[in-house]
Amino acid sequence: MPKRILLASVNGAVALGGPAAGGLALAPAPTEPTLENGAVRYTAPSDGGAGSFSHTVDVGDDSGVRRLKVLAWPAGSKLDPTEAELRSAESATCRRSSDETARCTYTLELTERQVAGLDKGTWYVSALATGRDGDTTFVPRAARFDGAQ
């Protein structure tokens, strides 16, 4: 008799555990933030007027978007920023477009004096996106542009 009770208990546990395990397997895995539709606009200052630099990108994450850090750097500098270095970079302004997405824009006004000392030619933009759940995505070369002309 005890063997039958034990066997029935084991079969019941397997029967109950099966759907529970299957339910866990079907739960969607958290995703890391994504960056899409990125665009850079650089306008050199001229005739005493200010120029500008802006980087706009759509950021998405299943938990929502917390922030986007951005750093523009000249290719000739060989900087190649890391994710850790980008954590202290400046933040873009992000405007929520849905519960899971935001359009983020980083903008700088530039004077002729500021641009005069910068490298000319190819520049890169590095980006670090952070979701509300703390997940991050680091893109070392999220965009490329010709700058400081």
N, C-alpha and C. Protein backbone atom coordinates (compact mmCIF):
# COMPACT_ATOMS: atom_id res chain seq x y z
N MET A 1 0.82 -1.20 0.00
CA MET A 1 0.00 0.00 0.00
C MET A 1 0.85 1.26 0.00
N PRO A 2 1.89 1.36 0.80
CA PRO A 2 2.70 2.56 0.79
C PRO A 2 3.33 2.81 -0.57
N LYS A 3 3.68 1.75 -1.34
CA LYS A 3 4.27 1.94 -2.66
C LYS A 3 3.28 2.60 -3.59
N ARG A 4 2.02 2.22 -3.52
CA ARG A 4 0.99 2.82 -4.38
C ARG A 4 0.80 4.30 -4.06
N ILE A 5 0.80 4.65 -2.79
CA ILE A 5 0.64 6.05 -2.39
C ILE A 5 1.83 6.86 -2.88
N LEU A 6 3.03 6.32 -2.71
CA LEU A 6 4.22 7.01 -3.17
C LEU A 6 4.19 7.19 -4.68
N LEU A 7 3.84 6.15 -5.42
CA LEU A 7 3.77 6.22 -6.88
C LEU A 7 2.71 7.22 -7.32
N ALA A 8 1.56 7.22 -6.66
CA ALA A 8 0.50 8.17 -7.00
C ALA A 8 0.96 9.60 -6.72
N SER A 9 1.69 9.78 -5.62
CA SER A 9 2.19 11.11 -5.29
C SER A 9 3.20 11.59 -6.32
N VAL A 10 4.09 10.73 -6.76
CA VAL A 10 5.09 11.09 -7.78
C VAL A 10 4.39 11.40 -9.09
N ASN A 11 3.43 10.58 -9.49
CA ASN A 11 2.70 10.85 -10.74
C ASN A 11 1.95 12.17 -10.66
N GLY A 12 1.36 12.47 -9.51
CA GLY A 12 0.65 13.74 -9.34
C GLY A 12 1.59 14.92 -9.44
N ALA A 13 2.77 14.79 -8.86
CA ALA A 13 3.76 15.87 -8.92
C ALA A 13 4.23 16.09 -10.35
N VAL A 14 4.44 15.00 -11.09
CA VAL A 14 4.86 15.13 -12.48
C VAL A 14 3.74 15.78 -13.30
N ALA A 15 2.51 15.37 -13.05
CA ALA A 15 1.38 15.93 -13.79
C ALA A 15 1.21 17.42 -13.49
N LEU A 16 1.35 17.78 -12.23
CA LEU A 16 1.21 19.19 -11.87
C LEU A 16 2.43 20.01 -12.29
N GLY A 17 3.60 19.43 -12.20
CA GLY A 17 4.82 20.14 -12.53
C GLY A 17 4.99 20.38 -14.01
N GLY A 18 4.43 19.49 -14.82
CA GLY A 18 4.55 19.62 -16.27
C GLY A 18 4.02 20.93 -16.80
N PRO A 19 2.76 21.26 -16.53
CA PRO A 19 2.23 22.54 -17.03
C PRO A 19 2.95 23.75 -16.45
N ALA A 20 3.35 23.66 -15.19
CA ALA A 20 4.04 24.79 -14.58
C ALA A 20 5.38 25.03 -15.27
N ALA A 21 6.11 23.96 -15.52
CA ALA A 21 7.39 24.11 -16.21
C ALA A 21 7.18 24.63 -17.62
N GLY A 22 6.14 24.12 -18.28
CA GLY A 22 5.83 24.59 -19.63
C GLY A 22 5.46 26.06 -19.63
N GLY A 23 4.72 26.47 -18.59
CA GLY A 23 4.34 27.88 -18.49
C GLY A 23 5.55 28.78 -18.33
N LEU A 24 6.54 28.33 -17.59
CA LEU A 24 7.76 29.12 -17.43
C LEU A 24 8.53 29.20 -18.74
N ALA A 25 8.54 28.13 -19.49
CA ALA A 25 9.27 28.11 -20.76
C ALA A 25 8.64 29.05 -21.78
N LEU A 26 7.34 29.29 -21.66
CA LEU A 26 6.64 30.13 -22.62
C LEU A 26 6.74 31.62 -22.29
N ALA A 27 7.15 31.96 -21.09
CA ALA A 27 7.26 33.37 -20.71
C ALA A 27 8.34 34.03 -21.56
N PRO A 28 8.06 35.22 -22.10
CA PRO A 28 9.06 35.88 -22.95
C PRO A 28 10.28 36.30 -22.14
N ALA A 29 11.42 36.11 -22.73
CA ALA A 29 12.67 36.52 -22.09
C ALA A 29 12.82 38.04 -22.19
N PRO A 30 13.36 38.69 -21.16
CA PRO A 30 13.58 40.14 -21.25
C PRO A 30 14.53 40.44 -22.41
N THR A 31 14.30 41.54 -23.05
CA THR A 31 15.15 41.92 -24.17
C THR A 31 16.01 43.12 -23.78
N GLU A 32 17.12 43.25 -24.47
CA GLU A 32 17.97 44.42 -24.27
C GLU A 32 17.43 45.56 -25.11
N PRO A 33 17.75 46.80 -24.75
CA PRO A 33 17.30 47.93 -25.55
C PRO A 33 17.79 47.85 -27.00
N THR A 34 16.99 48.39 -27.90
CA THR A 34 17.36 48.45 -29.32
C THR A 34 17.44 49.91 -29.74
N LEU A 35 18.30 50.17 -30.73
CA LEU A 35 18.43 51.50 -31.32
C LEU A 35 18.14 51.37 -32.80
N GLU A 36 17.19 52.15 -33.31
CA GLU A 36 16.81 52.09 -34.71
C GLU A 36 16.61 53.49 -35.26
N ASN A 37 16.72 53.59 -36.58
CA ASN A 37 16.45 54.83 -37.31
C ASN A 37 17.31 56.00 -36.84
N GLY A 38 18.57 55.73 -36.53
CA GLY A 38 19.48 56.78 -36.08
C GLY A 38 19.86 57.73 -37.20
N ALA A 39 20.00 58.98 -36.85
CA ALA A 39 20.40 60.01 -37.83
C ALA A 39 21.25 61.06 -37.13
N VAL A 40 22.26 61.53 -37.85
CA VAL A 40 23.13 62.60 -37.35
C VAL A 40 22.99 63.80 -38.28
N ARG A 41 22.98 64.96 -37.67
CA ARG A 41 22.97 66.20 -38.46
C ARG A 41 24.05 67.12 -37.90
N TYR A 42 24.97 67.50 -38.76
CA TYR A 42 26.02 68.42 -38.36
C TYR A 42 25.99 69.61 -39.30
N THR A 43 25.94 70.80 -38.71
CA THR A 43 26.00 72.04 -39.47
C THR A 43 27.15 72.86 -38.89
N ALA A 44 28.12 73.14 -39.74
CA ALA A 44 29.29 73.90 -39.29
C ALA A 44 28.89 75.36 -39.05
N PRO A 45 29.45 75.99 -38.04
CA PRO A 45 29.20 77.41 -37.82
C PRO A 45 29.83 78.22 -38.96
N SER A 46 29.19 79.30 -39.32
CA SER A 46 29.75 80.14 -40.39
C SER A 46 29.31 81.59 -40.21
N ASP A 47 30.15 82.50 -40.71
CA ASP A 47 29.86 83.94 -40.68
C ASP A 47 29.41 84.41 -39.30
N GLY A 48 30.07 83.90 -38.27
CA GLY A 48 29.75 84.34 -36.91
C GLY A 48 28.52 83.67 -36.32
N GLY A 49 27.81 82.88 -37.11
CA GLY A 49 26.61 82.20 -36.61
C GLY A 49 26.96 80.83 -36.04
N ALA A 50 26.14 80.37 -35.13
CA ALA A 50 26.38 79.08 -34.49
C ALA A 50 26.07 77.93 -35.43
N GLY A 51 26.78 76.85 -35.24
CA GLY A 51 26.49 75.60 -35.92
C GLY A 51 25.84 74.66 -34.93
N SER A 52 25.58 73.44 -35.36
CA SER A 52 24.96 72.49 -34.44
C SER A 52 25.32 71.06 -34.80
N PHE A 53 25.18 70.21 -33.81
CA PHE A 53 25.32 68.77 -33.97
C PHE A 53 24.13 68.14 -33.28
N SER A 54 23.47 67.19 -33.94
CA SER A 54 22.41 66.45 -33.26
C SER A 54 22.42 65.00 -33.71
N HIS A 55 22.08 64.15 -32.78
CA HIS A 55 21.94 62.72 -33.03
C HIS A 55 20.57 62.31 -32.51
N THR A 56 19.74 61.77 -33.39
CA THR A 56 18.40 61.34 -33.03
C THR A 56 18.27 59.86 -33.33
N VAL A 57 17.66 59.13 -32.42
CA VAL A 57 17.49 57.68 -32.60
C VAL A 57 16.25 57.21 -31.84
N ASP A 58 15.59 56.19 -32.38
CA ASP A 58 14.46 55.56 -31.69
C ASP A 58 15.00 54.44 -30.83
N VAL A 59 14.72 54.51 -29.53
CA VAL A 59 15.18 53.51 -28.58
C VAL A 59 13.97 52.72 -28.09
N GLY A 60 14.13 51.41 -28.03
CA GLY A 60 13.04 50.56 -27.55
C GLY A 60 13.53 49.55 -26.53
N ASP A 61 12.67 49.23 -25.58
CA ASP A 61 12.96 48.18 -24.60
C ASP A 61 11.63 47.70 -24.05
N ASP A 62 11.52 46.40 -23.77
CA ASP A 62 10.27 45.84 -23.27
C ASP A 62 9.84 46.43 -21.93
N SER A 63 10.78 47.01 -21.19
CA SER A 63 10.44 47.62 -19.90
C SER A 63 10.24 49.13 -20.00
N GLY A 64 10.50 49.70 -21.16
CA GLY A 64 10.48 51.15 -21.34
C GLY A 64 11.92 51.68 -21.37
N VAL A 65 12.07 52.93 -21.75
CA VAL A 65 13.39 53.53 -21.94
C VAL A 65 13.70 54.46 -20.77
N ARG A 66 14.84 54.23 -20.12
CA ARG A 66 15.27 55.10 -19.01
C ARG A 66 16.09 56.27 -19.54
N ARG A 67 17.13 55.95 -20.38
CA ARG A 67 17.98 57.03 -20.88
C ARG A 67 18.85 56.55 -22.03
N LEU A 68 19.44 57.54 -22.71
CA LEU A 68 20.42 57.30 -23.76
C LEU A 68 21.59 58.24 -23.53
N LYS A 69 22.78 57.68 -23.40
CA LYS A 69 24.02 58.45 -23.26
C LYS A 69 24.69 58.49 -24.62
N VAL A 70 25.28 59.64 -24.98
CA VAL A 70 25.85 59.84 -26.31
C VAL A 70 27.22 60.50 -26.20
N LEU A 71 28.14 60.07 -27.07
CA LEU A 71 29.46 60.69 -27.14
C LEU A 71 29.90 60.71 -28.60
N ALA A 72 30.19 61.91 -29.11
CA ALA A 72 30.73 62.06 -30.48
C ALA A 72 32.25 62.19 -30.37
N TRP A 73 32.96 61.49 -31.25
CA TRP A 73 34.42 61.52 -31.19
C TRP A 73 35.02 61.35 -32.58
N PRO A 74 36.18 62.03 -32.81
CA PRO A 74 36.82 61.97 -34.13
C PRO A 74 37.51 60.63 -34.35
N ALA A 75 37.34 60.06 -35.54
CA ALA A 75 37.95 58.77 -35.87
C ALA A 75 39.47 58.83 -35.74
N GLY A 76 40.06 59.95 -36.11
CA GLY A 76 41.51 60.10 -36.06
C GLY A 76 42.08 60.09 -34.66
N SER A 77 41.26 60.25 -33.64
CA SER A 77 41.75 60.30 -32.27
C SER A 77 42.05 58.91 -31.71
N LYS A 78 41.52 57.90 -32.33
CA LYS A 78 41.69 56.51 -31.87
C LYS A 78 41.11 56.31 -30.46
N LEU A 79 40.12 57.13 -30.06
CA LEU A 79 39.54 57.02 -28.72
C LEU A 79 38.87 55.67 -28.47
N ASP A 80 37.94 55.27 -29.32
CA ASP A 80 37.22 54.02 -29.18
C ASP A 80 36.65 53.84 -27.77
N PRO A 81 35.67 54.67 -27.37
CA PRO A 81 35.13 54.65 -26.01
C PRO A 81 34.53 53.29 -25.63
N THR A 82 34.57 52.99 -24.34
CA THR A 82 34.00 51.76 -23.82
C THR A 82 32.63 52.04 -23.19
N GLU A 83 31.91 50.98 -22.89
CA GLU A 83 30.61 51.13 -22.23
C GLU A 83 30.78 51.84 -20.88
N ALA A 84 31.81 51.48 -20.14
CA ALA A 84 32.05 52.10 -18.83
C ALA A 84 32.27 53.61 -18.97
N GLU A 85 33.02 54.02 -20.00
CA GLU A 85 33.28 55.44 -20.21
C GLU A 85 32.01 56.18 -20.60
N LEU A 86 31.14 55.51 -21.33
CA LEU A 86 29.91 56.17 -21.76
C LEU A 86 28.93 56.40 -20.61
N ARG A 87 29.06 55.67 -19.55
CA ARG A 87 28.16 55.86 -18.40
C ARG A 87 28.25 57.28 -17.85
N SER A 88 29.39 57.96 -18.04
CA SER A 88 29.54 59.33 -17.55
C SER A 88 29.37 60.37 -18.66
N ALA A 89 28.97 59.92 -19.85
CA ALA A 89 28.73 60.85 -20.97
C ALA A 89 27.43 61.62 -20.75
N GLU A 90 27.19 62.60 -21.60
CA GLU A 90 25.97 63.39 -21.50
C GLU A 90 24.77 62.60 -21.99
N SER A 91 23.62 62.92 -21.43
CA SER A 91 22.38 62.24 -21.79
C SER A 91 21.63 62.97 -22.89
N ALA A 92 21.00 62.20 -23.74
CA ALA A 92 20.09 62.75 -24.74
C ALA A 92 18.76 63.05 -24.06
N THR A 93 17.95 63.85 -24.70
CA THR A 93 16.59 64.09 -24.23
C THR A 93 15.70 63.06 -24.90
N CYS A 94 15.00 62.25 -24.10
CA CYS A 94 14.15 61.19 -24.64
C CYS A 94 12.68 61.53 -24.39
N ARG A 95 11.90 61.44 -25.45
CA ARG A 95 10.46 61.66 -25.36
C ARG A 95 9.76 60.34 -25.67
N ARG A 96 8.97 59.90 -24.73
CA ARG A 96 8.29 58.62 -24.86
C ARG A 96 7.30 58.63 -26.02
N SER A 97 7.37 57.61 -26.88
CA SER A 97 6.40 57.49 -27.97
C SER A 97 5.41 56.36 -27.72
N SER A 98 5.76 55.42 -26.83
CA SER A 98 4.85 54.37 -26.38
C SER A 98 5.39 53.86 -25.05
N ASP A 99 4.75 52.83 -24.49
CA ASP A 99 5.22 52.27 -23.22
C ASP A 99 6.61 51.66 -23.37
N GLU A 100 6.97 51.25 -24.59
CA GLU A 100 8.24 50.55 -24.80
C GLU A 100 9.25 51.32 -25.65
N THR A 101 8.88 52.48 -26.19
CA THR A 101 9.79 53.20 -27.09
C THR A 101 9.88 54.68 -26.76
N ALA A 102 10.99 55.27 -27.17
CA ALA A 102 11.19 56.71 -27.02
C ALA A 102 12.06 57.20 -28.16
N ARG A 103 11.83 58.43 -28.57
CA ARG A 103 12.70 59.08 -29.54
C ARG A 103 13.65 59.96 -28.74
N CYS A 104 14.94 59.67 -28.88
CA CYS A 104 15.96 60.37 -28.10
C CYS A 104 16.80 61.26 -29.01
N THR A 105 17.03 62.50 -28.58
CA THR A 105 17.81 63.45 -29.35
C THR A 105 18.84 64.12 -28.46
N TYR A 106 20.07 64.12 -28.96
CA TYR A 106 21.16 64.81 -28.29
C TYR A 106 21.57 65.96 -29.20
N THR A 107 21.61 67.18 -28.68
CA THR A 107 21.90 68.36 -29.50
C THR A 107 22.94 69.24 -28.82
N LEU A 108 23.85 69.77 -29.63
CA LEU A 108 24.86 70.73 -29.18
C LEU A 108 24.89 71.92 -30.12
N GLU A 109 25.00 73.11 -29.58
CA GLU A 109 25.28 74.27 -30.41
C GLU A 109 26.78 74.46 -30.42
N LEU A 110 27.32 74.81 -31.58
CA LEU A 110 28.77 74.93 -31.74
C LEU A 110 29.14 76.31 -32.28
N THR A 111 30.18 76.89 -31.71
CA THR A 111 30.69 78.17 -32.20
C THR A 111 31.90 77.91 -33.10
N GLU A 112 32.27 78.90 -33.87
CA GLU A 112 33.45 78.77 -34.73
C GLU A 112 34.70 78.49 -33.89
N ARG A 113 34.79 79.13 -32.74
CA ARG A 113 35.95 78.92 -31.86
C ARG A 113 36.02 77.46 -31.39
N GLN A 114 34.90 76.88 -31.00
CA GLN A 114 34.89 75.49 -30.55
C GLN A 114 35.30 74.53 -31.67
N VAL A 115 34.81 74.76 -32.85
CA VAL A 115 35.07 73.87 -33.98
C VAL A 115 36.49 74.03 -34.51
N ALA A 116 37.07 75.20 -34.36
CA ALA A 116 38.42 75.46 -34.90
C ALA A 116 39.45 74.48 -34.37
N GLY A 117 39.32 74.04 -33.15
CA GLY A 117 40.30 73.14 -32.57
C GLY A 117 39.98 71.66 -32.73
N LEU A 118 38.89 71.34 -33.41
CA LEU A 118 38.49 69.94 -33.54
C LEU A 118 39.03 69.29 -34.80
N ASP A 119 39.18 67.97 -34.75
CA ASP A 119 39.62 67.22 -35.93
C ASP A 119 38.59 67.33 -37.04
N LYS A 120 39.08 67.45 -38.24
CA LYS A 120 38.21 67.47 -39.42
C LYS A 120 38.10 66.04 -39.95
N GLY A 121 37.04 65.78 -40.70
CA GLY A 121 36.88 64.46 -41.29
C GLY A 121 35.86 63.60 -40.56
N THR A 122 36.11 62.30 -40.56
CA THR A 122 35.16 61.33 -40.03
C THR A 122 35.07 61.37 -38.51
N TRP A 123 33.84 61.38 -38.03
CA TRP A 123 33.54 61.30 -36.60
C TRP A 123 32.57 60.16 -36.39
N TYR A 124 32.58 59.60 -35.17
CA TYR A 124 31.64 58.56 -34.80
C TYR A 124 30.82 59.02 -33.60
N VAL A 125 29.67 58.39 -33.44
CA VAL A 125 28.84 58.60 -32.27
C VAL A 125 28.71 57.25 -31.57
N SER A 126 29.08 57.20 -30.30
CA SER A 126 28.87 56.02 -29.47
C SER A 126 27.62 56.26 -28.64
N ALA A 127 26.87 55.18 -28.38
CA ALA A 127 25.62 55.32 -27.64
C ALA A 127 25.47 54.20 -26.62
N LEU A 128 24.87 54.54 -25.49
CA LEU A 128 24.57 53.57 -24.44
C LEU A 128 23.11 53.77 -24.04
N ALA A 129 22.27 52.81 -24.41
CA ALA A 129 20.84 52.87 -24.08
C ALA A 129 20.58 52.04 -22.83
N THR A 130 19.72 52.57 -21.95
CA THR A 130 19.37 51.86 -20.72
C THR A 130 17.85 51.76 -20.61
N GLY A 131 17.36 50.54 -20.39
CA GLY A 131 15.94 50.32 -20.18
C GLY A 131 15.56 50.57 -18.73
N ARG A 132 14.27 50.68 -18.46
CA ARG A 132 13.80 50.92 -17.09
C ARG A 132 14.16 49.75 -16.16
N ASP A 133 14.35 48.56 -16.73
CA ASP A 133 14.71 47.40 -15.91
C ASP A 133 16.22 47.30 -15.68
N GLY A 134 16.98 48.28 -16.20
CA GLY A 134 18.42 48.30 -16.00
C GLY A 134 19.23 47.64 -17.10
N ASP A 135 18.57 46.94 -18.03
CA ASP A 135 19.30 46.34 -19.15
C ASP A 135 19.91 47.44 -20.00
N THR A 136 21.09 47.17 -20.57
CA THR A 136 21.77 48.15 -21.39
C THR A 136 22.18 47.57 -22.73
N THR A 137 22.32 48.45 -23.70
CA THR A 137 22.91 48.11 -24.99
C THR A 137 23.92 49.20 -25.32
N PHE A 138 25.15 48.77 -25.58
CA PHE A 138 26.23 49.68 -25.94
C PHE A 138 26.52 49.51 -27.42
N VAL A 139 26.51 50.62 -28.16
CA VAL A 139 26.83 50.60 -29.58
C VAL A 139 28.03 51.52 -29.78
N PRO A 140 29.23 50.94 -29.97
CA PRO A 140 30.44 51.76 -30.05
C PRO A 140 30.46 52.71 -31.25
N ARG A 141 29.81 52.31 -32.34
CA ARG A 141 29.73 53.18 -33.52
C ARG A 141 28.29 53.19 -34.02
N ALA A 142 27.46 53.92 -33.30
CA ALA A 142 26.05 53.99 -33.62
C ALA A 142 25.78 54.84 -34.85
N ALA A 143 26.69 55.77 -35.15
CA ALA A 143 26.54 56.64 -36.32
C ALA A 143 27.91 57.16 -36.74
N ARG A 144 27.97 57.62 -37.98
CA ARG A 144 29.20 58.18 -38.56
C ARG A 144 28.82 59.44 -39.31
N PHE A 145 29.68 60.46 -39.22
CA PHE A 145 29.43 61.70 -39.98
C PHE A 145 30.74 62.42 -40.23
N ASP A 146 30.71 63.36 -41.18
CA ASP A 146 31.87 64.22 -41.46
C ASP A 146 31.68 65.49 -40.66
N GLY A 147 32.64 65.77 -39.79
CA GLY A 147 32.48 66.90 -38.89
C GLY A 147 33.63 67.88 -38.90
N ALA A 148 33.42 68.98 -38.17
CA ALA A 148 34.40 70.05 -37.97
C ALA A 148 34.97 70.57 -39.27
N GLN A 149 34.12 70.80 -40.23
CA GLN A 149 34.58 71.28 -41.55
C GLN A 149 34.66 72.79 -41.58
